[in-house]
């Protein structure tokens, strides 16, 4: 996993990940943030999963949900992949009928709404995040 942690000029901690795992960056920055208690609880959950004391666990957030099992971590956006945009004006609907078939971007591939990695890699990232916020 490619990532970078930094502190903004106004003092906030941010995590930035490569495009393939960009949701992890958002999740660390906004969900975990600097809540050390929550981070330690997450590390304890990961330990329990790796020791086979738990099969899986879900942490639901406002924008993203984290799904953990004994092998992997998956972060999925809570946005619905099947939401249809509303038309601006009913009269425009007749004009748009010809383009609706090719312009149907509203049905996104569900795979594009999630990022995943191995549980070991995720544990390393969470530990690195904790170390970063404690020392900067």
C-alpha atoms as a PDB file:
ATOM      1  CA  UNK A   1       0.000   0.000   0.000  1.00  0.00           C
ATOM      2  CA  UNK A   2       1.288   3.431  -0.910  1.00  0.00           C
ATOM      3  CA  UNK A   3       0.375   6.198   1.504  1.00  0.00           C
ATOM      4  CA  UNK A   4       1.598   9.356   3.134  1.00  0.00           C
ATOM      5  CA  UNK A   5       0.660  10.998   6.414  1.00  0.00           C
ATOM      6  CA  UNK A   6       1.036  14.704   6.957  1.00  0.00           C
ATOM      7  CA  UNK A   7      -0.122  17.573   9.089  1.00  0.00           C
ATOM      8  CA  UNK A   8      -1.919  20.484   7.453  1.00  0.00           C
ATOM      9  CA  UNK A   9      -0.884  24.101   8.121  1.00  0.00           C
ATOM     10  CA  UNK A  10      -3.895  24.443  10.455  1.00  0.00           C
ATOM     11  CA  UNK A  11      -2.743  21.436  12.495  1.00  0.00           C
ATOM     12  CA  UNK A  12      -5.023  18.662  11.204  1.00  0.00           C
ATOM     13  CA  UNK A  13      -3.697  15.174  10.530  1.00  0.00           C
ATOM     14  CA  UNK A  14      -4.375  13.733   7.083  1.00  0.00           C
ATOM     15  CA  UNK A  15      -3.741  10.425   5.378  1.00  0.00           C
ATOM     16  CA  UNK A  16      -3.367  10.185   1.628  1.00  0.00           C
ATOM     17  CA  UNK A  17      -3.366   6.861  -0.210  1.00  0.00           C
ATOM     18  CA  UNK A  18      -2.870   5.810  -3.810  1.00  0.00           C
ATOM     19  CA  UNK A  19      -5.991   5.796  -5.970  1.00  0.00           C
ATOM     20  CA  UNK A  20      -6.503   2.046  -5.487  1.00  0.00           C
ATOM     21  CA  UNK A  21      -6.908   2.562  -1.733  1.00  0.00           C
ATOM     22  CA  UNK A  22      -7.979   6.193  -1.472  1.00  0.00           C
ATOM     23  CA  UNK A  23     -10.962   5.372   0.791  1.00  0.00           C
ATOM     24  CA  UNK A  24      -8.516   4.245   3.481  1.00  0.00           C
ATOM     25  CA  UNK A  25      -7.099   7.767   3.550  1.00  0.00           C
ATOM     26  CA  UNK A  26     -10.513   9.349   3.973  1.00  0.00           C
ATOM     27  CA  UNK A  27     -11.453   6.825   6.631  1.00  0.00           C
ATOM     28  CA  UNK A  28      -8.286   7.348   8.679  1.00  0.00           C
ATOM     29  CA  UNK A  29      -8.480  11.130   8.357  1.00  0.00           C
ATOM     30  CA  UNK A  30     -12.158  11.601   9.157  1.00  0.00           C
ATOM     31  CA  UNK A  31     -13.377   8.461  10.935  1.00  0.00           C
ATOM     32  CA  UNK A  32     -10.461   7.529  13.169  1.00  0.00           C
ATOM     33  CA  UNK A  33      -8.857  10.966  13.122  1.00  0.00           C
ATOM     34  CA  UNK A  34      -6.854  11.386  16.345  1.00  0.00           C
ATOM     35  CA  UNK A  35      -9.108   9.270  18.590  1.00  0.00           C
ATOM     36  CA  UNK A  36      -6.406   7.118  20.195  1.00  0.00           C
ATOM     37  CA  UNK A  37      -8.963   5.097  22.172  1.00  0.00           C
ATOM     38  CA  UNK A  38     -10.785   4.128  18.987  1.00  0.00           C
ATOM     39  CA  UNK A  39      -7.482   3.311  17.268  1.00  0.00           C
ATOM     40  CA  UNK A  40      -6.384   1.027  20.128  1.00  0.00           C
ATOM     41  CA  UNK A  41      -9.807  -0.676  20.100  1.00  0.00           C
ATOM     42  CA  UNK A  42      -9.421  -1.249  16.352  1.00  0.00           C
ATOM     43  CA  UNK A  43      -5.957  -2.748  16.844  1.00  0.00           C
ATOM     44  CA  UNK A  44      -7.410  -5.055  19.520  1.00  0.00           C
ATOM     45  CA  UNK A  45     -10.133  -6.156  17.072  1.00  0.00           C
ATOM     46  CA  UNK A  46      -7.507  -6.893  14.443  1.00  0.00           C
ATOM     47  CA  UNK A  47      -5.563  -8.987  16.964  1.00  0.00           C
ATOM     48  CA  UNK A  48      -8.710 -10.952  17.825  1.00  0.00           C
ATOM     49  CA  UNK A  49      -9.396 -11.550  14.124  1.00  0.00           C
ATOM     50  CA  UNK A  50      -5.851 -12.720  13.477  1.00  0.00           C
ATOM     51  CA  UNK A  51      -6.016 -15.079  16.474  1.00  0.00           C
ATOM     52  CA  UNK A  52      -9.299 -16.453  15.076  1.00  0.00           C
ATOM     53  CA  UNK A  53     -11.226 -15.275  18.169  1.00  0.00           C
ATOM     54  CA  UNK A  54     -13.565 -13.317  15.855  1.00  0.00           C
ATOM     55  CA  UNK A  55     -14.742 -14.178  12.352  1.00  0.00           C
ATOM     56  CA  UNK A  56     -15.572 -10.684  11.163  1.00  0.00           C
ATOM     57  CA  UNK A  57     -16.497  -7.206  12.315  1.00  0.00           C
ATOM     58  CA  UNK A  58     -18.133  -4.126  10.807  1.00  0.00           C
ATOM     59  CA  UNK A  59     -17.612  -0.499  11.798  1.00  0.00           C
ATOM     60  CA  UNK A  60     -20.231   1.753  10.221  1.00  0.00           C
ATOM     61  CA  UNK A  61     -19.379   5.411   9.767  1.00  0.00           C
ATOM     62  CA  UNK A  62     -21.215   8.332   8.264  1.00  0.00           C
ATOM     63  CA  UNK A  63     -19.477   8.165   4.863  1.00  0.00           C
ATOM     64  CA  UNK A  64     -17.692   4.806   4.879  1.00  0.00           C
ATOM     65  CA  UNK A  65     -18.079   1.408   6.490  1.00  0.00           C
ATOM     66  CA  UNK A  66     -15.143  -0.801   7.406  1.00  0.00           C
ATOM     67  CA  UNK A  67     -15.539  -4.566   7.053  1.00  0.00           C
ATOM     68  CA  UNK A  68     -12.906  -6.739   8.690  1.00  0.00           C
ATOM     69  CA  UNK A  69     -12.445 -10.479   8.581  1.00  0.00           C
ATOM     70  CA  UNK A  70      -9.575 -12.788   9.411  1.00  0.00           C
ATOM     71  CA  UNK A  71      -7.915 -12.163   6.050  1.00  0.00           C
ATOM     72  CA  UNK A  72      -8.781  -8.693   4.813  1.00  0.00           C
ATOM     73  CA  UNK A  73     -10.040  -5.185   5.458  1.00  0.00           C
ATOM     74  CA  UNK A  74     -12.514  -3.554   3.083  1.00  0.00           C
ATOM     75  CA  UNK A  75     -13.691   0.033   3.199  1.00  0.00           C
ATOM     76  CA  UNK A  76     -16.860   0.761   1.291  1.00  0.00           C
ATOM     77  CA  UNK A  77     -18.537   4.058   0.661  1.00  0.00           C
ATOM     78  CA  UNK A  78     -22.055   4.263   2.047  1.00  0.00           C
ATOM     79  CA  UNK A  79     -23.294   5.879  -1.182  1.00  0.00           C
ATOM     80  CA  UNK A  80     -25.841   3.831  -3.076  1.00  0.00           C
ATOM     81  CA  UNK A  81     -24.607   2.617  -6.476  1.00  0.00           C
ATOM     82  CA  UNK A  82     -28.100   2.725  -7.972  1.00  0.00           C
ATOM     83  CA  UNK A  83     -29.163   6.293  -7.222  1.00  0.00           C
ATOM     84  CA  UNK A  84     -30.627   7.998 -10.271  1.00  0.00           C
ATOM     85  CA  UNK A  85     -30.142  11.736 -10.783  1.00  0.00           C
ATOM     86  CA  UNK A  86     -33.368  13.693 -10.990  1.00  0.00           C
ATOM     87  CA  UNK A  87     -34.274  15.489 -14.198  1.00  0.00           C
ATOM     88  CA  UNK A  88     -34.139  19.283 -14.069  1.00  0.00           C
ATOM     89  CA  UNK A  89     -37.276  19.913 -16.066  1.00  0.00           C
ATOM     90  CA  UNK A  90     -39.924  17.411 -17.245  1.00  0.00           C
ATOM     91  CA  UNK A  91     -39.846  19.034 -20.707  1.00  0.00           C
ATOM     92  CA  UNK A  92     -36.158  18.176 -20.961  1.00  0.00           C
ATOM     93  CA  UNK A  93     -36.978  14.469 -20.523  1.00  0.00           C
ATOM     94  CA  UNK A  94     -38.159  14.104 -24.126  1.00  0.00           C
ATOM     95  CA  UNK A  95     -34.954  15.710 -25.408  1.00  0.00           C
ATOM     96  CA  UNK A  96     -32.804  13.462 -23.225  1.00  0.00           C
ATOM     97  CA  UNK A  97     -34.412  10.135 -24.191  1.00  0.00           C
ATOM     98  CA  UNK A  98     -31.883   9.525 -26.967  1.00  0.00           C
ATOM     99  CA  UNK A  99     -28.914  10.112 -24.662  1.00  0.00           C
ATOM    100  CA  UNK A 100     -30.167   8.240 -21.586  1.00  0.00           C
ATOM    101  CA  UNK A 101     -28.874   4.878 -22.782  1.00  0.00           C
ATOM    102  CA  UNK A 102     -25.277   5.974 -23.262  1.00  0.00           C
ATOM    103  CA  UNK A 103     -25.281   8.535 -20.419  1.00  0.00           C
ATOM    104  CA  UNK A 104     -26.338   6.146 -17.646  1.00  0.00           C
ATOM    105  CA  UNK A 105     -23.484   6.851 -15.241  1.00  0.00           C
ATOM    106  CA  UNK A 106     -25.873   6.482 -12.310  1.00  0.00           C
ATOM    107  CA  UNK A 107     -25.412   2.704 -12.183  1.00  0.00           C
ATOM    108  CA  UNK A 108     -21.890   2.434 -10.859  1.00  0.00           C
ATOM    109  CA  UNK A 109     -19.973  -0.773 -10.560  1.00  0.00           C
ATOM    110  CA  UNK A 110     -20.276  -1.792  -6.871  1.00  0.00           C
ATOM    111  CA  UNK A 111     -16.577  -2.737  -6.940  1.00  0.00           C
ATOM    112  CA  UNK A 112     -15.689   0.909  -7.590  1.00  0.00           C
ATOM    113  CA  UNK A 113     -17.308   1.852  -4.275  1.00  0.00           C
ATOM    114  CA  UNK A 114     -14.859  -0.100  -2.123  1.00  0.00           C
ATOM    115  CA  UNK A 115     -11.152  -0.558  -1.471  1.00  0.00           C
ATOM    116  CA  UNK A 116      -9.519  -3.537   0.173  1.00  0.00           C
ATOM    117  CA  UNK A 117      -6.238  -4.865   1.474  1.00  0.00           C
ATOM    118  CA  UNK A 118      -4.912  -7.738   3.553  1.00  0.00           C
ATOM    119  CA  UNK A 119      -5.477  -7.654   7.302  1.00  0.00           C
ATOM    120  CA  UNK A 120      -1.705  -7.563   7.960  1.00  0.00           C
ATOM    121  CA  UNK A 121      -1.236  -4.539   5.700  1.00  0.00           C
ATOM    122  CA  UNK A 122      -4.198  -2.817   7.332  1.00  0.00           C
ATOM    123  CA  UNK A 123      -2.771  -3.461  10.790  1.00  0.00           C
ATOM    124  CA  UNK A 124       0.551  -1.919   9.719  1.00  0.00           C
ATOM    125  CA  UNK A 125      -1.242   1.171   8.398  1.00  0.00           C
ATOM    126  CA  UNK A 126      -3.281   1.636  11.595  1.00  0.00           C
ATOM    127  CA  UNK A 127      -0.144   1.253  13.734  1.00  0.00           C
ATOM    128  CA  UNK A 128       1.723   3.729  11.522  1.00  0.00           C
ATOM    129  CA  UNK A 129      -1.183   6.196  11.814  1.00  0.00           C
ATOM    130  CA  UNK A 130      -1.180   5.888  15.600  1.00  0.00           C
ATOM    131  CA  UNK A 131       2.595   6.417  15.719  1.00  0.00           C
ATOM    132  CA  UNK A 132       2.291   9.444  13.422  1.00  0.00           C
ATOM    133  CA  UNK A 133      -0.417  11.227  15.426  1.00  0.00           C
ATOM    134  CA  UNK A 134       1.422  10.546  18.680  1.00  0.00           C
ATOM    135  CA  UNK A 135       4.721  11.955  17.455  1.00  0.00           C
ATOM    136  CA  UNK A 136       3.785  14.953  15.292  1.00  0.00           C
END
